[in-house]
Amino acid sequence: MSQQGTVYFFTGLSGAGKTTLGGLFHQRLKAFGEDVGYTQEERLRWAQRIFRVCRLLSGQGIDVVVCSIAMYGSVRQWNRANIPNYKEIYVKASRDTLLQRNQKGLYTAGKNVVGIDLPFEEPQTPDIVLPN
């Protein structure tokens, strides 16, 4: 049997620094599955798809780095229950910091923004919290 890989999950609101920090571990992976949109159901389906693939890869001994908001606690609970060696890293930034960075203009755009008008279920049991 092959050794289990590890899934390193960087989570936090947009602009917190997830992708920047995750990029230090590994090159950005090419986008896939662009058939998913931004409704609540589509966001949940996208998160489930991502972590099923992570489970498959880590089960083959491949380390995986994921940088995503994953706004639902149920997704993180599924990850803990179903992915051996799952490590959750919560990149936490204050609202003021997020508004200052606002690289993508999301916080001033106004609609359909996680942490502004869409709920963000803050991680309750991360392995590491990185204030950024």
N, C-alpha and C. Protein backbone atom coordinates (compact mmCIF):
# COMPACT_ATOMS: atom_id res chain seq x y z
N MET A 1 0.84 -1.18 0.00
CA MET A 1 0.00 0.00 0.00
C MET A 1 0.88 1.24 0.00
N SER A 2 0.51 2.25 -0.78
CA SER A 2 1.31 3.46 -0.86
C SER A 2 1.09 4.35 0.35
N GLN A 3 2.07 5.19 0.61
CA GLN A 3 1.98 6.14 1.72
C GLN A 3 0.91 7.19 1.42
N GLN A 4 0.17 7.62 2.45
CA GLN A 4 -0.84 8.64 2.28
C GLN A 4 -0.19 10.00 2.06
N GLY A 5 -0.74 10.78 1.12
CA GLY A 5 -0.31 12.16 0.93
C GLY A 5 -0.98 13.04 1.97
N THR A 6 -0.64 14.30 1.99
CA THR A 6 -1.20 15.27 2.93
C THR A 6 -1.90 16.36 2.15
N VAL A 7 -3.06 16.78 2.64
CA VAL A 7 -3.79 17.90 2.06
C VAL A 7 -3.56 19.11 2.97
N TYR A 8 -2.94 20.14 2.43
CA TYR A 8 -2.73 21.40 3.16
C TYR A 8 -3.78 22.38 2.66
N PHE A 9 -4.70 22.78 3.53
CA PHE A 9 -5.83 23.62 3.13
C PHE A 9 -5.68 25.00 3.76
N PHE A 10 -5.44 26.01 2.93
CA PHE A 10 -5.35 27.39 3.39
C PHE A 10 -6.73 28.01 3.21
N THR A 11 -7.33 28.52 4.28
CA THR A 11 -8.67 29.10 4.18
C THR A 11 -8.69 30.47 4.84
N GLY A 12 -9.60 31.29 4.44
CA GLY A 12 -9.76 32.65 4.97
C GLY A 12 -10.50 33.47 3.93
N LEU A 13 -10.91 34.64 4.29
CA LEU A 13 -11.66 35.49 3.37
C LEU A 13 -10.78 36.00 2.24
N SER A 14 -11.43 36.48 1.19
CA SER A 14 -10.72 37.00 0.03
C SER A 14 -9.80 38.14 0.45
N GLY A 15 -8.55 38.07 0.03
CA GLY A 15 -7.57 39.10 0.36
C GLY A 15 -6.78 38.81 1.61
N ALA A 16 -7.06 37.70 2.29
CA ALA A 16 -6.37 37.37 3.54
C ALA A 16 -4.94 36.89 3.29
N GLY A 17 -4.64 36.39 2.09
CA GLY A 17 -3.29 35.93 1.78
C GLY A 17 -3.19 34.44 1.53
N LYS A 18 -4.32 33.76 1.36
CA LYS A 18 -4.32 32.31 1.15
C LYS A 18 -3.47 31.90 -0.04
N THR A 19 -3.72 32.47 -1.17
CA THR A 19 -3.04 32.06 -2.39
C THR A 19 -1.56 32.40 -2.35
N THR A 20 -1.25 33.57 -1.79
CA THR A 20 0.16 33.96 -1.68
C THR A 20 0.92 32.96 -0.83
N LEU A 21 0.37 32.62 0.32
CA LEU A 21 1.05 31.67 1.20
C LEU A 21 1.07 30.26 0.62
N GLY A 22 -0.04 29.85 0.01
CA GLY A 22 -0.09 28.52 -0.61
C GLY A 22 0.89 28.39 -1.75
N GLY A 23 1.11 29.49 -2.46
CA GLY A 23 2.05 29.48 -3.57
C GLY A 23 3.48 29.23 -3.14
N LEU A 24 3.80 29.54 -1.87
CA LEU A 24 5.13 29.25 -1.35
C LEU A 24 5.38 27.74 -1.27
N PHE A 25 4.32 26.96 -1.16
CA PHE A 25 4.45 25.50 -1.09
C PHE A 25 4.48 24.85 -2.47
N HIS A 26 3.74 25.40 -3.37
CA HIS A 26 3.61 24.70 -4.65
C HIS A 26 3.15 25.66 -5.75
N GLN A 27 3.50 25.38 -6.99
CA GLN A 27 3.03 26.20 -8.11
C GLN A 27 1.52 26.09 -8.22
N ARG A 28 0.95 27.12 -8.74
CA ARG A 28 -0.51 27.14 -8.90
C ARG A 28 -0.94 26.06 -9.90
N LEU A 29 -1.97 25.32 -9.50
CA LEU A 29 -2.49 24.27 -10.39
C LEU A 29 -3.41 24.89 -11.43
N LYS A 30 -3.47 24.27 -12.59
CA LYS A 30 -4.36 24.77 -13.65
C LYS A 30 -5.82 24.61 -13.23
N ALA A 31 -6.61 25.59 -13.62
CA ALA A 31 -8.04 25.55 -13.30
C ALA A 31 -8.70 24.37 -14.01
N PHE A 32 -9.68 23.80 -13.34
CA PHE A 32 -10.47 22.74 -13.95
C PHE A 32 -11.91 22.87 -13.47
N GLY A 33 -12.80 22.26 -14.19
CA GLY A 33 -14.20 22.24 -13.79
C GLY A 33 -14.85 23.61 -13.81
N GLU A 34 -14.64 24.37 -14.85
CA GLU A 34 -15.18 25.73 -14.91
C GLU A 34 -16.68 25.76 -15.16
N ASP A 35 -17.35 24.62 -15.04
CA ASP A 35 -18.79 24.54 -15.26
C ASP A 35 -19.58 24.94 -14.02
N VAL A 36 -18.93 25.31 -12.96
CA VAL A 36 -19.61 25.63 -11.71
C VAL A 36 -19.68 27.14 -11.54
N GLY A 37 -20.86 27.63 -11.14
CA GLY A 37 -21.08 29.07 -10.97
C GLY A 37 -21.01 29.51 -9.52
N TYR A 38 -21.82 30.51 -9.17
CA TYR A 38 -21.69 31.15 -7.86
C TYR A 38 -22.94 31.09 -7.00
N THR A 39 -23.91 30.26 -7.35
CA THR A 39 -25.04 30.10 -6.44
C THR A 39 -24.57 29.31 -5.23
N GLN A 40 -25.36 29.30 -4.17
CA GLN A 40 -24.98 28.56 -2.98
C GLN A 40 -24.77 27.08 -3.30
N GLU A 41 -25.66 26.51 -4.09
CA GLU A 41 -25.54 25.09 -4.44
C GLU A 41 -24.31 24.83 -5.30
N GLU A 42 -24.03 25.74 -6.24
CA GLU A 42 -22.86 25.56 -7.11
C GLU A 42 -21.56 25.73 -6.33
N ARG A 43 -21.54 26.65 -5.40
CA ARG A 43 -20.33 26.83 -4.56
C ARG A 43 -20.07 25.59 -3.72
N LEU A 44 -21.13 25.03 -3.15
CA LEU A 44 -20.99 23.82 -2.35
C LEU A 44 -20.53 22.65 -3.23
N ARG A 45 -21.12 22.51 -4.42
CA ARG A 45 -20.73 21.45 -5.34
C ARG A 45 -19.25 21.59 -5.73
N TRP A 46 -18.81 22.82 -5.96
CA TRP A 46 -17.41 23.06 -6.33
C TRP A 46 -16.48 22.62 -5.20
N ALA A 47 -16.81 23.01 -3.96
CA ALA A 47 -15.98 22.63 -2.81
C ALA A 47 -15.94 21.11 -2.66
N GLN A 48 -17.07 20.47 -2.81
CA GLN A 48 -17.11 19.00 -2.70
C GLN A 48 -16.25 18.35 -3.79
N ARG A 49 -16.30 18.89 -4.98
CA ARG A 49 -15.49 18.36 -6.09
C ARG A 49 -14.01 18.50 -5.78
N ILE A 50 -13.61 19.67 -5.34
CA ILE A 50 -12.20 19.92 -5.03
C ILE A 50 -11.68 18.91 -4.02
N PHE A 51 -12.43 18.70 -2.94
CA PHE A 51 -11.90 17.87 -1.87
C PHE A 51 -12.04 16.37 -2.13
N ARG A 52 -12.94 15.98 -3.00
CA ARG A 52 -12.95 14.57 -3.44
C ARG A 52 -11.69 14.29 -4.25
N VAL A 53 -11.29 15.22 -5.10
CA VAL A 53 -10.05 15.07 -5.87
C VAL A 53 -8.85 15.06 -4.91
N CYS A 54 -8.86 15.94 -3.91
CA CYS A 54 -7.77 15.96 -2.93
C CYS A 54 -7.64 14.62 -2.23
N ARG A 55 -8.79 14.05 -1.86
CA ARG A 55 -8.76 12.74 -1.18
C ARG A 55 -8.16 11.68 -2.10
N LEU A 56 -8.55 11.70 -3.36
CA LEU A 56 -8.00 10.72 -4.32
C LEU A 56 -6.48 10.88 -4.46
N LEU A 57 -6.03 12.11 -4.62
CA LEU A 57 -4.60 12.36 -4.79
C LEU A 57 -3.81 12.00 -3.54
N SER A 58 -4.28 12.45 -2.39
CA SER A 58 -3.53 12.16 -1.15
C SER A 58 -3.52 10.66 -0.86
N GLY A 59 -4.57 9.97 -1.26
CA GLY A 59 -4.61 8.51 -1.09
C GLY A 59 -3.57 7.79 -1.93
N GLN A 60 -3.04 8.48 -2.93
CA GLN A 60 -2.00 7.90 -3.78
C GLN A 60 -0.61 8.41 -3.38
N GLY A 61 -0.52 9.04 -2.21
CA GLY A 61 0.78 9.50 -1.73
C GLY A 61 1.19 10.86 -2.24
N ILE A 62 0.27 11.60 -2.85
CA ILE A 62 0.58 12.92 -3.40
C ILE A 62 0.18 13.99 -2.41
N ASP A 63 1.10 14.91 -2.10
CA ASP A 63 0.77 16.06 -1.26
C ASP A 63 -0.01 17.06 -2.10
N VAL A 64 -1.02 17.67 -1.52
CA VAL A 64 -1.90 18.59 -2.22
C VAL A 64 -1.97 19.91 -1.46
N VAL A 65 -1.88 21.03 -2.18
CA VAL A 65 -2.06 22.36 -1.60
C VAL A 65 -3.32 22.96 -2.22
N VAL A 66 -4.27 23.39 -1.39
CA VAL A 66 -5.51 23.98 -1.85
C VAL A 66 -5.65 25.36 -1.22
N CYS A 67 -5.97 26.38 -2.03
CA CYS A 67 -6.22 27.73 -1.54
C CYS A 67 -7.63 28.11 -1.98
N SER A 68 -8.56 28.17 -1.03
CA SER A 68 -9.96 28.40 -1.36
C SER A 68 -10.69 28.96 -0.15
N ILE A 69 -11.73 29.74 -0.38
CA ILE A 69 -12.52 30.27 0.73
C ILE A 69 -13.24 29.13 1.46
N ALA A 70 -13.87 28.22 0.74
CA ALA A 70 -14.64 27.12 1.35
C ALA A 70 -15.48 27.66 2.50
N MET A 71 -16.52 28.38 2.16
CA MET A 71 -17.31 29.14 3.11
C MET A 71 -18.17 28.32 4.05
N TYR A 72 -18.27 27.02 3.85
CA TYR A 72 -19.17 26.18 4.65
C TYR A 72 -18.41 25.30 5.64
N GLY A 73 -18.84 25.32 6.87
CA GLY A 73 -18.26 24.45 7.89
C GLY A 73 -18.47 22.98 7.55
N SER A 74 -19.58 22.66 6.88
CA SER A 74 -19.85 21.26 6.53
C SER A 74 -18.78 20.70 5.61
N VAL A 75 -18.20 21.53 4.76
CA VAL A 75 -17.13 21.09 3.87
C VAL A 75 -15.89 20.74 4.69
N ARG A 76 -15.54 21.61 5.63
CA ARG A 76 -14.37 21.34 6.47
C ARG A 76 -14.58 20.10 7.34
N GLN A 77 -15.81 19.92 7.84
CA GLN A 77 -16.12 18.72 8.63
C GLN A 77 -15.96 17.45 7.78
N TRP A 78 -16.44 17.51 6.53
CA TRP A 78 -16.28 16.37 5.63
C TRP A 78 -14.80 16.07 5.41
N ASN A 79 -14.01 17.13 5.21
CA ASN A 79 -12.57 16.96 4.99
C ASN A 79 -11.93 16.22 6.16
N ARG A 80 -12.22 16.67 7.38
CA ARG A 80 -11.63 16.04 8.57
C ARG A 80 -12.04 14.57 8.69
N ALA A 81 -13.30 14.27 8.36
CA ALA A 81 -13.80 12.90 8.50
C ALA A 81 -13.32 11.98 7.39
N ASN A 82 -12.98 12.53 6.22
CA ASN A 82 -12.72 11.69 5.05
C ASN A 82 -11.33 11.78 4.44
N ILE A 83 -10.52 12.72 4.88
CA ILE A 83 -9.18 12.87 4.31
C ILE A 83 -8.13 12.65 5.41
N PRO A 84 -7.45 11.50 5.38
CA PRO A 84 -6.37 11.29 6.35
C PRO A 84 -5.28 12.36 6.16
N ASN A 85 -4.64 12.76 7.21
CA ASN A 85 -3.56 13.76 7.17
C ASN A 85 -4.04 15.12 6.68
N TYR A 86 -5.29 15.44 6.89
CA TYR A 86 -5.85 16.75 6.53
C TYR A 86 -5.33 17.79 7.51
N LYS A 87 -4.78 18.86 7.00
CA LYS A 87 -4.27 19.97 7.81
C LYS A 87 -4.96 21.25 7.36
N GLU A 88 -5.63 21.91 8.27
CA GLU A 88 -6.38 23.13 7.95
C GLU A 88 -5.63 24.34 8.47
N ILE A 89 -5.28 25.25 7.58
CA ILE A 89 -4.55 26.48 7.93
C ILE A 89 -5.47 27.65 7.63
N TYR A 90 -5.91 28.33 8.67
CA TYR A 90 -6.83 29.45 8.53
C TYR A 90 -6.02 30.74 8.47
N VAL A 91 -5.99 31.38 7.31
CA VAL A 91 -5.31 32.66 7.13
C VAL A 91 -6.33 33.74 7.49
N LYS A 92 -6.14 34.35 8.65
CA LYS A 92 -7.14 35.27 9.19
C LYS A 92 -6.66 36.71 9.05
N ALA A 93 -7.50 37.53 8.44
CA ALA A 93 -7.19 38.95 8.28
C ALA A 93 -8.39 39.76 8.76
N SER A 94 -8.11 40.92 9.34
CA SER A 94 -9.19 41.78 9.82
C SER A 94 -9.96 42.37 8.63
N ARG A 95 -11.18 42.78 8.89
CA ARG A 95 -11.99 43.42 7.84
C ARG A 95 -11.29 44.66 7.28
N ASP A 96 -10.65 45.45 8.16
CA ASP A 96 -9.92 46.64 7.71
C ASP A 96 -8.80 46.27 6.75
N THR A 97 -8.07 45.21 7.07
CA THR A 97 -6.99 44.76 6.20
C THR A 97 -7.53 44.30 4.86
N LEU A 98 -8.63 43.56 4.87
CA LEU A 98 -9.24 43.08 3.63
C LEU A 98 -9.68 44.25 2.76
N LEU A 99 -10.28 45.27 3.37
CA LEU A 99 -10.73 46.44 2.61
C LEU A 99 -9.54 47.22 2.05
N GLN A 100 -8.44 47.28 2.78
CA GLN A 100 -7.24 47.97 2.29
C GLN A 100 -6.64 47.24 1.09
N ARG A 101 -6.58 45.93 1.17
CA ARG A 101 -5.98 45.14 0.08
C ARG A 101 -6.89 45.14 -1.14
N ASN A 102 -8.06 44.59 -1.00
CA ASN A 102 -9.12 44.61 -2.02
C ASN A 102 -8.59 44.50 -3.46
N GLN A 103 -7.60 43.61 -3.68
CA GLN A 103 -6.95 43.49 -4.98
C GLN A 103 -7.92 43.27 -6.13
N LYS A 104 -8.95 42.49 -5.89
CA LYS A 104 -9.88 42.13 -6.96
C LYS A 104 -11.08 43.07 -7.02
N GLY A 105 -11.14 44.05 -6.14
CA GLY A 105 -12.27 44.97 -6.11
C GLY A 105 -13.55 44.34 -5.60
N LEU A 106 -13.45 43.15 -4.99
CA LEU A 106 -14.64 42.44 -4.54
C LEU A 106 -15.38 43.18 -3.42
N TYR A 107 -14.63 43.76 -2.51
CA TYR A 107 -15.27 44.36 -1.34
C TYR A 107 -15.98 45.67 -1.67
N THR A 108 -15.66 46.27 -2.79
CA THR A 108 -16.35 47.49 -3.20
C THR A 108 -17.39 47.21 -4.28
N ALA A 109 -17.38 46.00 -4.84
CA ALA A 109 -18.36 45.63 -5.88
C ALA A 109 -19.75 45.47 -5.29
N GLY A 110 -19.82 44.91 -4.08
CA GLY A 110 -21.08 44.90 -3.36
C GLY A 110 -21.94 43.67 -3.35
N LYS A 111 -22.00 42.88 -4.40
CA LYS A 111 -22.94 41.76 -4.41
C LYS A 111 -22.24 40.43 -4.58
N ASN A 112 -22.80 39.43 -3.87
CA ASN A 112 -22.32 38.05 -3.99
C ASN A 112 -20.89 37.89 -3.49
N VAL A 113 -20.56 38.59 -2.40
CA VAL A 113 -19.21 38.56 -1.85
C VAL A 113 -19.23 37.85 -0.50
N VAL A 114 -18.48 36.75 -0.41
CA VAL A 114 -18.38 36.00 0.84
C VAL A 114 -17.73 36.89 1.89
N GLY A 115 -18.37 36.97 3.05
CA GLY A 115 -17.86 37.80 4.13
C GLY A 115 -18.47 39.19 4.15
N ILE A 116 -19.18 39.55 3.09
CA ILE A 116 -19.88 40.84 3.03
C ILE A 116 -21.38 40.58 3.02
N ASP A 117 -21.92 40.12 1.90
CA ASP A 117 -23.35 39.84 1.84
C ASP A 117 -23.66 38.34 1.78
N LEU A 118 -22.63 37.51 1.70
CA LEU A 118 -22.80 36.05 1.80
C LEU A 118 -22.09 35.59 3.06
N PRO A 119 -22.68 34.65 3.78
CA PRO A 119 -22.08 34.22 5.05
C PRO A 119 -20.76 33.46 4.86
N PHE A 120 -19.87 33.65 5.81
CA PHE A 120 -18.63 32.88 5.88
C PHE A 120 -18.63 32.19 7.24
N GLU A 121 -18.69 30.88 7.23
CA GLU A 121 -18.65 30.12 8.47
C GLU A 121 -17.19 29.97 8.87
N GLU A 122 -16.75 30.81 9.79
CA GLU A 122 -15.35 30.84 10.20
C GLU A 122 -14.93 29.47 10.72
N PRO A 123 -13.74 29.01 10.34
CA PRO A 123 -13.24 27.72 10.82
C PRO A 123 -13.21 27.67 12.35
N GLN A 124 -13.73 26.60 12.91
CA GLN A 124 -13.80 26.45 14.36
C GLN A 124 -12.65 25.63 14.94
N THR A 125 -12.06 24.75 14.15
CA THR A 125 -11.01 23.86 14.67
C THR A 125 -9.83 23.76 13.71
N PRO A 126 -9.30 24.90 13.22
CA PRO A 126 -8.14 24.78 12.32
C PRO A 126 -6.93 24.24 13.07
N ASP A 127 -6.02 23.63 12.33
CA ASP A 127 -4.78 23.16 12.94
C ASP A 127 -3.85 24.32 13.25
N ILE A 128 -3.90 25.34 12.39
CA ILE A 128 -3.06 26.53 12.57
C ILE A 128 -3.90 27.75 12.19
N VAL A 129 -3.76 28.83 12.95
CA VAL A 129 -4.33 30.12 12.58
C VAL A 129 -3.17 31.05 12.29
N LEU A 130 -3.14 31.63 11.07
CA LEU A 130 -2.10 32.58 10.69
C LEU A 130 -2.70 33.97 10.59
N PRO A 131 -2.49 34.83 11.60
CA PRO A 131 -2.96 36.21 11.48
C PRO A 131 -2.15 36.90 10.39
N ASN A 132 -2.83 37.51 9.42
CA ASN A 132 -2.11 38.10 8.31
C ASN A 132 -2.70 39.48 8.01
